[in-house]
PDB file of N, CA and C in Angstrom:
ATOM      1  N   MET A   1     109.727-133.396  31.001  1.00  0.00           N
ATOM      2  CA  MET A   1     110.012-135.212  30.800  1.00  0.00           C
ATOM      3  C   MET A   1     108.558-135.567  30.214  1.00  0.00           C
ATOM      4  N   THR A   2     109.773-135.741  29.193  1.00  0.00           N
ATOM      5  CA  THR A   2     108.276-137.731  28.353  1.00  0.00           C
ATOM      6  C   THR A   2     108.943-138.895  29.188  1.00  0.00           C
ATOM      7  N   SER A   3     107.675-139.555  29.020  1.00  0.00           N
ATOM      8  CA  SER A   3     107.547-140.274  29.259  1.00  0.00           C
ATOM      9  C   SER A   3     107.504-141.646  28.704  1.00  0.00           C
ATOM     10  N   SER A   4     108.195-143.163  28.406  1.00  0.00           N
ATOM     11  CA  SER A   4     108.905-143.592  28.309  1.00  0.00           C
ATOM     12  C   SER A   4     107.689-144.174  26.694  1.00  0.00           C
ATOM     13  N   CYS A   5     105.798-144.143  27.808  1.00  0.00           N
ATOM     14  CA  CYS A   5     105.128-144.500  26.516  1.00  0.00           C
ATOM     15  C   CYS A   5     104.734-143.549  25.040  1.00  0.00           C
ATOM     16  N   GLU A   6     105.239-141.853  25.670  1.00  0.00           N
ATOM     17  CA  GLU A   6     105.353-141.247  24.509  1.00  0.00           C
ATOM     18  C   GLU A   6     106.929-141.236  23.884  1.00  0.00           C
ATOM     19  N   THR A   7     108.012-141.516  24.164  1.00  0.00           N
ATOM     20  CA  THR A   7     109.031-141.744  22.992  1.00  0.00           C
ATOM     21  C   THR A   7     108.656-143.088  22.627  1.00  0.00           C
ATOM     22  N   GLU A   8     108.109-144.210  23.250  1.00  0.00           N
ATOM     23  CA  GLU A   8     107.668-146.004  22.233  1.00  0.00           C
ATOM     24  C   GLU A   8     107.411-144.778  21.058  1.00  0.00           C
ATOM     25  N   ARG A   9     106.038-143.676  21.080  1.00  0.00           N
ATOM     26  CA  ARG A   9     105.064-143.732  20.447  1.00  0.00           C
ATOM     27  C   ARG A   9     105.665-142.638  18.508  1.00  0.00           C
ATOM     28  N   SER A  10     106.246-142.394  19.678  1.00  0.00           N
ATOM     29  CA  SER A  10     107.472-141.330  18.635  1.00  0.00           C
ATOM     30  C   SER A  10     107.978-141.752  17.428  1.00  0.00           C
ATOM     31  N   ARG A  11     108.425-143.595  18.160  1.00  0.00           N
ATOM     32  CA  ARG A  11     109.716-143.981  17.153  1.00  0.00           C
ATOM     33  C   ARG A  11     108.720-144.799  16.443  1.00  0.00           C
ATOM     34  N   GLY A  12     107.765-145.049  16.291  1.00  0.00           N
ATOM     35  CA  GLY A  12     107.408-145.594  15.488  1.00  0.00           C
ATOM     36  C   GLY A  12     106.963-147.409  15.633  1.00  0.00           C
ATOM     37  N   TRP A  13     106.547-147.896  15.175  1.00  0.00           N
ATOM     38  CA  TRP A  13     106.502-149.855  15.015  1.00  0.00           C
ATOM     39  C   TRP A  13     107.498-150.060  14.729  1.00  0.00           C
ATOM     40  N   TYR A  14     108.014-151.272  15.803  1.00  0.00           N
ATOM     41  CA  TYR A  14     108.726-151.821  15.490  1.00  0.00           C
ATOM     42  C   TYR A  14     108.049-153.410  14.589  1.00  0.00           C
ATOM     43  N   LEU A  15     109.528-153.486  13.897  1.00  0.00           N
ATOM     44  CA  LEU A  15     109.579-155.405  13.192  1.00  0.00           C
ATOM     45  C   LEU A  15     108.587-156.442  13.317  1.00  0.00           C
ATOM     46  N   GLU A  16     108.210-156.148  14.943  1.00  0.00           N
ATOM     47  CA  GLU A  16     107.832-157.600  15.947  1.00  0.00           C
ATOM     48  C   GLU A  16     105.981-156.730  15.351  1.00  0.00           C
ATOM     49  N   ARG A  17     106.224-155.802  16.801  1.00  0.00           N
ATOM     50  CA  ARG A  17     104.421-155.171  16.806  1.00  0.00           C
ATOM     51  C   ARG A  17     103.565-155.264  14.967  1.00  0.00           C
ATOM     52  N   VAL A  18     104.060-154.890  14.374  1.00  0.00           N
ATOM     53  CA  VAL A  18     104.126-154.976  12.793  1.00  0.00           C
ATOM     54  C   VAL A  18     103.353-156.420  12.895  1.00  0.00           C
ATOM     55  N   LEU A  19     104.488-157.775  12.760  1.00  0.00           N
ATOM     56  CA  LEU A  19     103.949-158.528  12.556  1.00  0.00           C
ATOM     57  C   LEU A  19     102.948-159.547  13.326  1.00  0.00           C
ATOM     58  N   PHE A  20     103.137-158.778  14.864  1.00  0.00           N
ATOM     59  CA  PHE A  20     101.513-159.330  15.341  1.00  0.00           C
ATOM     60  C   PHE A  20     100.608-158.838  14.697  1.00  0.00           C
ATOM     61  N   ALA A  21     100.408-158.027  14.514  1.00  0.00           N
ATOM     62  CA  ALA A  21      99.018-157.152  14.065  1.00  0.00           C
ATOM     63  C   ALA A  21      98.808-157.640  12.707  1.00  0.00           C
ATOM     64  N   MET A  22      99.788-158.427  11.754  1.00  0.00           N
ATOM     65  CA  MET A  22      98.886-159.157  10.538  1.00  0.00           C
ATOM     66  C   MET A  22      99.390-160.224  10.785  1.00  0.00           C
ATOM     67  N   ALA A  23      99.566-161.315  11.794  1.00  0.00           N
ATOM     68  CA  ALA A  23      98.952-162.510  12.276  1.00  0.00           C
ATOM     69  C   ALA A  23      97.780-162.408  12.457  1.00  0.00           C
ATOM     70  N   GLY A  24      97.707-161.260  13.822  1.00  0.00           N
ATOM     71  CA  GLY A  24      96.076-161.060  13.864  1.00  0.00           C
ATOM     72  C   GLY A  24      94.994-160.875  12.993  1.00  0.00           C
ATOM     73  N   THR A  25      95.299-160.104  12.211  1.00  0.00           N
ATOM     74  CA  THR A  25      94.572-160.024  10.838  1.00  0.00           C
ATOM     75  C   THR A  25      94.114-161.394  10.071  1.00  0.00           C
ATOM     76  N   VAL A  26      95.410-161.918   9.971  1.00  0.00           N
ATOM     77  CA  VAL A  26      95.565-162.584   8.938  1.00  0.00           C
ATOM     78  C   VAL A  26      94.723-164.315   9.762  1.00  0.00           C
ATOM     79  N   SER A  27      94.325-164.690  11.332  1.00  0.00           N
ATOM     80  CA  SER A  27      93.481-165.240  11.695  1.00  0.00           C
ATOM     81  C   SER A  27      92.538-165.097  11.794  1.00  0.00           C
ATOM     82  N   LEU A  28      91.409-163.452  12.133  1.00  0.00           N
ATOM     83  CA  LEU A  28      90.180-163.259  11.996  1.00  0.00           C
ATOM     84  C   LEU A  28      89.652-163.348  11.169  1.00  0.00           C
ATOM     85  N   VAL A  29      90.241-163.007  10.185  1.00  0.00           N
ATOM     86  CA  VAL A  29      90.379-163.081   9.139  1.00  0.00           C
ATOM     87  C   VAL A  29      89.664-164.113   8.353  1.00  0.00           C
ATOM     88  N   GLY A  30      90.880-164.900   8.405  1.00  0.00           N
ATOM     89  CA  GLY A  30      90.605-166.301   7.321  1.00  0.00           C
ATOM     90  C   GLY A  30      89.667-167.463   8.739  1.00  0.00           C
ATOM     91  N   GLY A  31      89.590-166.914  10.387  1.00  0.00           N
ATOM     92  CA  GLY A  31      88.434-167.781  10.458  1.00  0.00           C
ATOM     93  C   GLY A  31      86.874-167.237  10.184  1.00  0.00           C
ATOM     94  N   LEU A  32      86.345-165.755   9.925  1.00  0.00           N
ATOM     95  CA  LEU A  32      85.278-165.573   9.809  1.00  0.00           C
ATOM     96  C   LEU A  32      84.968-165.727   7.553  1.00  0.00           C
ATOM     97  N   LEU A  33      86.445-165.534   7.435  1.00  0.00           N
ATOM     98  CA  LEU A  33      86.219-166.676   6.066  1.00  0.00           C
ATOM     99  C   LEU A  33      85.668-167.865   6.231  1.00  0.00           C
ATOM    100  N   ALA A  34      85.796-168.834   6.729  1.00  0.00           N
ATOM    101  CA  ALA A  34      85.797-170.265   6.773  1.00  0.00           C
ATOM    102  C   ALA A  34      84.507-170.291   7.726  1.00  0.00           C
ATOM    103  N   LEU A  35      84.125-169.200   8.840  1.00  0.00           N
ATOM    104  CA  LEU A  35      82.592-169.433   8.999  1.00  0.00           C
ATOM    105  C   LEU A  35      81.260-170.125   8.139  1.00  0.00           C
ATOM    106  N   LEU A  36      81.791-168.091   7.425  1.00  0.00           N
ATOM    107  CA  LEU A  36      80.940-167.864   6.269  1.00  0.00           C
ATOM    108  C   LEU A  36      81.392-168.573   4.695  1.00  0.00           C
ATOM    109  N   PHE A  37      81.613-168.799   4.600  1.00  0.00           N
ATOM    110  CA  PHE A  37      82.761-169.256   2.863  1.00  0.00           C
ATOM    111  C   PHE A  37      82.624-170.282   2.466  1.00  0.00           C
ATOM    112  N   SER A  38      84.158-170.568   3.141  1.00  0.00           N
ATOM    113  CA  SER A  38      84.406-172.484   2.855  1.00  0.00           C
ATOM    114  C   SER A  38      85.532-172.745   3.980  1.00  0.00           C
ATOM    115  N   PRO A  39      85.684-173.740   4.505  1.00  0.00           N
ATOM    116  CA  PRO A  39      86.341-174.596   5.510  1.00  0.00           C
ATOM    117  C   PRO A  39      88.079-174.395   5.137  1.00  0.00           C
ATOM    118  N   TRP A  40      88.831-174.095   4.214  1.00  0.00           N
ATOM    119  CA  TRP A  40      89.550-174.485   3.186  1.00  0.00           C
ATOM    120  C   TRP A  40      89.822-173.339   4.365  1.00  0.00           C
ATOM    121  N   PHE A  41      89.295-171.783   4.205  1.00  0.00           N
ATOM    122  CA  PHE A  41      89.774-170.258   4.523  1.00  0.00           C
ATOM    123  C   PHE A  41      90.772-171.197   6.165  1.00  0.00           C
ATOM    124  N   ALA A  42      89.958-172.224   6.931  1.00  0.00           N
ATOM    125  CA  ALA A  42      91.148-172.586   8.138  1.00  0.00           C
ATOM    126  C   ALA A  42      92.705-173.363   7.672  1.00  0.00           C
ATOM    127  N   LEU A  43      92.219-172.130   6.395  1.00  0.00           N
ATOM    128  CA  LEU A  43      94.482-172.431   6.456  1.00  0.00           C
ATOM    129  C   LEU A  43      95.120-171.533   6.129  1.00  0.00           C
ATOM    130  N   LEU A  44      94.205-170.217   6.913  1.00  0.00           N
ATOM    131  CA  LEU A  44      94.826-168.653   6.395  1.00  0.00           C
ATOM    132  C   LEU A  44      95.952-169.051   8.015  1.00  0.00           C
ATOM    133  N   PRO A  45      95.151-168.919   9.053  1.00  0.00           N
ATOM    134  CA  PRO A  45      94.914-168.747  10.533  1.00  0.00           C
ATOM    135  C   PRO A  45      96.273-170.128  10.574  1.00  0.00           C
ATOM    136  N   VAL A  46      96.292-171.018  10.269  1.00  0.00           N
ATOM    137  CA  VAL A  46      97.238-172.394  10.890  1.00  0.00           C
ATOM    138  C   VAL A  46      98.688-171.545   9.866  1.00  0.00           C
ATOM    139  N   LEU A  47      98.283-170.830   8.525  1.00  0.00           N
ATOM    140  CA  LEU A  47     100.054-170.236   7.780  1.00  0.00           C
ATOM    141  C   LEU A  47     100.362-169.136   8.440  1.00  0.00           C
ATOM    142  N   ALA A  48      99.953-168.504   8.921  1.00  0.00           N
ATOM    143  CA  ALA A  48     100.229-167.001  10.116  1.00  0.00           C
ATOM    144  C   ALA A  48     100.702-167.817  11.175  1.00  0.00           C
ATOM    145  N   GLY A  49      99.913-168.733  11.728  1.00  0.00           N
ATOM    146  CA  GLY A  49     101.269-169.473  12.978  1.00  0.00           C
ATOM    147  C   GLY A  49     102.078-170.080  12.630  1.00  0.00           C
ATOM    148  N   VAL A  50     102.123-170.504  11.237  1.00  0.00           N
ATOM    149  CA  VAL A  50     103.749-171.344  10.988  1.00  0.00           C
ATOM    150  C   VAL A  50     104.250-170.176  10.811  1.00  0.00           C
ATOM    151  N   ASN A  51     104.277-169.023  10.567  1.00  0.00           N
ATOM    152  CA  ASN A  51     105.035-167.924  10.579  1.00  0.00           C
ATOM    153  C   ASN A  51     105.218-166.869  11.794  1.00  0.00           C
ATOM    154  N   GLN A  52     104.812-167.649  13.039  1.00  0.00           N
ATOM    155  CA  GLN A  52     104.650-167.127  13.817  1.00  0.00           C
ATOM    156  C   GLN A  52     106.096-167.728  14.736  1.00  0.00           C
ATOM    157  N   TRP A  53     105.989-169.545  14.062  1.00  0.00           N
ATOM    158  CA  TRP A  53     106.655-169.957  15.378  1.00  0.00           C
ATOM    159  C   TRP A  53     108.082-170.122  14.097  1.00  0.00           C
ATOM    160  N   LEU A  54     108.000-169.548  13.149  1.00  0.00           N
ATOM    161  CA  LEU A  54     109.447-170.358  12.099  1.00  0.00           C
ATOM    162  C   LEU A  54     110.094-168.456  12.902  1.00  0.00           C
ATOM    163  N   PHE A  55     109.263-167.813  13.112  1.00  0.00           N
ATOM    164  CA  PHE A  55     109.822-165.993  13.546  1.00  0.00           C
ATOM    165  C   PHE A  55     110.473-166.628  15.521  1.00  0.00           C
ATOM    166  N   VAL A  56     110.213-167.388  15.917  1.00  0.00           N
ATOM    167  CA  VAL A  56     110.439-167.799  17.495  1.00  0.00           C
ATOM    168  C   VAL A  56     111.304-168.585  16.947  1.00  0.00           C
ATOM    169  N   VAL A  57     111.376-169.441  16.515  1.00  0.00           N
ATOM    170  CA  VAL A  57     112.418-170.942  16.764  1.00  0.00           C
ATOM    171  C   VAL A  57     113.675-170.069  15.747  1.00  0.00           C
ATOM    172  N   VAL A  58     113.801-169.474  14.401  1.00  0.00           N
ATOM    173  CA  VAL A  58     114.188-169.098  13.846  1.00  0.00           C
ATOM    174  C   VAL A  58     115.642-168.611  13.494  1.00  0.00           C
ATOM    175  N   GLY A  59     113.990-167.053  13.926  1.00  0.00           N
ATOM    176  CA  GLY A  59     114.542-165.473  14.383  1.00  0.00           C
ATOM    177  C   GLY A  59     114.021-165.336  13.201  1.00  0.00           C
ATOM    178  N   ALA A  60     113.494-165.383  11.792  1.00  0.00           N
ATOM    179  CA  ALA A  60     113.070-164.572  11.002  1.00  0.00           C
ATOM    180  C   ALA A  60     112.350-165.755  10.252  1.00  0.00           C
ATOM    181  N   CYS A  61     110.752-164.994   9.861  1.00  0.00           N
ATOM    182  CA  CYS A  61     109.932-165.358   8.799  1.00  0.00           C
ATOM    183  C   CYS A  61     109.970-165.731   7.391  1.00  0.00           C
ATOM    184  N   PRO A  62     109.228-165.846   6.164  1.00  0.00           N
ATOM    185  CA  PRO A  62     109.081-164.946   5.133  1.00  0.00           C
ATOM    186  C   PRO A  62     108.583-163.228   5.110  1.00  0.00           C
ATOM    187  N   ALA A  63     107.873-163.086   5.940  1.00  0.00           N
ATOM    188  CA  ALA A  63     107.104-162.106   6.544  1.00  0.00           C
ATOM    189  C   ALA A  63     107.634-160.947   6.447  1.00  0.00           C
ATOM    190  N   SER A  64     108.455-161.286   7.944  1.00  0.00           N
ATOM    191  CA  SER A  64     109.194-160.284   8.546  1.00  0.00           C
ATOM    192  C   SER A  64     110.936-160.057   7.832  1.00  0.00           C
ATOM    193  N   TYR A  65     111.192-160.808   6.695  1.00  0.00           N
ATOM    194  CA  TYR A  65     111.943-160.852   4.926  1.00  0.00           C
ATOM    195  C   TYR A  65     111.325-159.228   4.675  1.00  0.00           C
ATOM    196  N   LEU A  66     110.082-159.757   4.357  1.00  0.00           N
ATOM    197  CA  LEU A  66     109.583-158.650   3.398  1.00  0.00           C
ATOM    198  C   LEU A  66     109.654-157.243   3.742  1.00  0.00           C
ATOM    199  N   LEU A  67     109.083-157.961   4.735  1.00  0.00           N
ATOM    200  CA  LEU A  67     108.558-156.448   5.903  1.00  0.00           C
ATOM    201  C   LEU A  67     109.783-155.267   5.482  1.00  0.00           C
ATOM    202  N   SER A  68     110.743-155.832   6.003  1.00  0.00           N
ATOM    203  CA  SER A  68     112.724-155.231   6.274  1.00  0.00           C
ATOM    204  C   SER A  68     113.136-154.829   5.445  1.00  0.00           C
ATOM    205  N   ARG A  69     112.668-155.640   4.076  1.00  0.00           N
ATOM    206  CA  ARG A  69     113.297-155.370   2.406  1.00  0.00           C
ATOM    207  C   ARG A  69     112.076-153.827   2.009  1.00  0.00           C
ATOM    208  N   VAL A  70     111.120-154.456   2.192  1.00  0.00           N
ATOM    209  CA  VAL A  70     109.953-153.469   1.757  1.00  0.00           C
ATOM    210  C   VAL A  70     110.106-151.447   2.339  1.00  0.00           C
ATOM    211  N   THR A  71     110.000-151.877   3.293  1.00  0.00           N
ATOM    212  CA  THR A  71     109.792-150.860   4.471  1.00  0.00           C
ATOM    213  C   THR A  71     110.329-150.624   5.324  1.00  0.00           C
ATOM    214  N   SER A  72     110.935-149.396   5.904  1.00  0.00           N
ATOM    215  CA  SER A  72     111.968-148.807   7.024  1.00  0.00           C
ATOM    216  C   SER A  72     111.456-149.172   8.453  1.00  0.00           C
ATOM    217  N   LEU A  73     111.098-150.525   8.483  1.00  0.00           N
ATOM    218  CA  LEU A  73     111.244-151.373   9.988  1.00  0.00           C
ATOM    219  C   LEU A  73     112.061-152.177  10.177  1.00  0.00           C
ATOM    220  N   LYS A  74     112.478-152.131  11.680  1.00  0.00           N
ATOM    221  CA  LYS A  74     113.675-152.638  11.922  1.00  0.00           C
ATOM    222  C   LYS A  74     112.949-153.000  13.600  1.00  0.00           C
ATOM    223  N   PRO A  75     113.863-154.376  14.133  1.00  0.00           N
ATOM    224  CA  PRO A  75     113.406-154.989  15.153  1.00  0.00           C
ATOM    225  C   PRO A  75     113.825-154.336  16.080  1.00  0.00           C
ATOM    226  N   ALA A  76     113.196-154.600  17.473  1.00  0.00           N
ATOM    227  CA  ALA A  76     112.724-153.857  18.405  1.00  0.00           C
ATOM    228  C   ALA A  76     114.775-154.262  19.409  1.00  0.00           C
ATOM    229  N   ALA A  77     115.167-155.226  18.918  1.00  0.00           N
ATOM    230  CA  ALA A  77     116.146-155.671  19.679  1.00  0.00           C
ATOM    231  C   ALA A  77     116.794-154.384  18.919  1.00  0.00           C
ATOM    232  N   GLY A  78     116.865-153.977  17.813  1.00  0.00           N
ATOM    233  CA  GLY A  78     118.063-153.694  17.350  1.00  0.00           C
ATOM    234  C   GLY A  78     118.759-154.615  16.731  1.00  0.00           C
ATOM    235  N   VAL A  79     119.076-155.955  15.924  1.00  0.00           N
ATOM    236  CA  VAL A  79     119.352-156.996  15.788  1.00  0.00           C
ATOM    237  C   VAL A  79     119.011-157.566  14.496  1.00  0.00           C
ATOM    238  N   ASN A  80     119.769-156.676  14.060  1.00  0.00           N
ATOM    239  CA  ASN A  80     119.720-157.204  11.875  1.00  0.00           C
ATOM    240  C   ASN A  80     120.378-158.914  11.627  1.00  0.00           C
ATOM    241  N   ARG A  81     118.414-158.952  10.744  1.00  0.00           N
ATOM    242  CA  ARG A  81     118.340-160.936  11.016  1.00  0.00           C
ATOM    243  C   ARG A  81     119.155-160.614   9.069  1.00  0.00           C
TER     244      ARG A  81
END
């Protein structure tokens, strides 16, 4: 018998999980660059946050459109956007 955790891993990552990972990476890198080089890099986490809110409010963001067109990632709910 397979557990739900094993079947989740075998299917791969969903679009939302990849978007969350990208936003976290952009936020961390932007914060680090702002601390080390220029405060202007603090705009990167701001842009990541705007994209996250777009996804919450509208159901899609530029990154989700790009990822769904370029890769075979699908939304977790199976809704086509």
